[in-house]
Amino acid sequence: MTSREKLLSHCSSASPKKKKEKKKLAMENITKKLNSTDVERRLLLPENCLQDLRSDLESNLKFKDEEGQVWTFRCRASSGGRSKPAFYGDWFTFVRVKGLRVGDVVVIISDKEKNMAAGGSFKIKIKKSASKHHKKE
């Protein structure tokens, strides 16, 4: 199992009964509402998200945004697997270029079936928080 597959298998929001069924699907999502740490330092994923990724504690993961631009985020997880995995590297540039702020939401999507030849890749989408980004006229 590749590091990308491990990331997705442990970040699924599926209930335990549906977990087996969910793994058969081509796409799985991780949704994260950004907080100050996410926009100022690093993107933290849910705790235990990479619990079995002990042999590959740091890796580069590629993400394609909605405009088709590819970003490389460095992913780091602790050897104990109990801390929150973190994205950094191009993450800071991504935050700045996209104008991300606290309250915005990122959705990470993997289409393992479509991208199997490339080892699986990710898409990243942004949902801006209307209350902080849109002035009413």
Foldseek 3Di string as FASTA:
>chain_A
DDQVLLLQLQQAPDDPVCSVVVSPDQKGKFKDQDDPCCQPPWNWGDFLSNQPCLVPQWDWAWEAEPVRDIDIWIWGDDNRSGGTITTDDCSNVVCVVVVDDGGKMKMKMWRCVVCVVVVTHIYIYIGHDCVVPDDDD
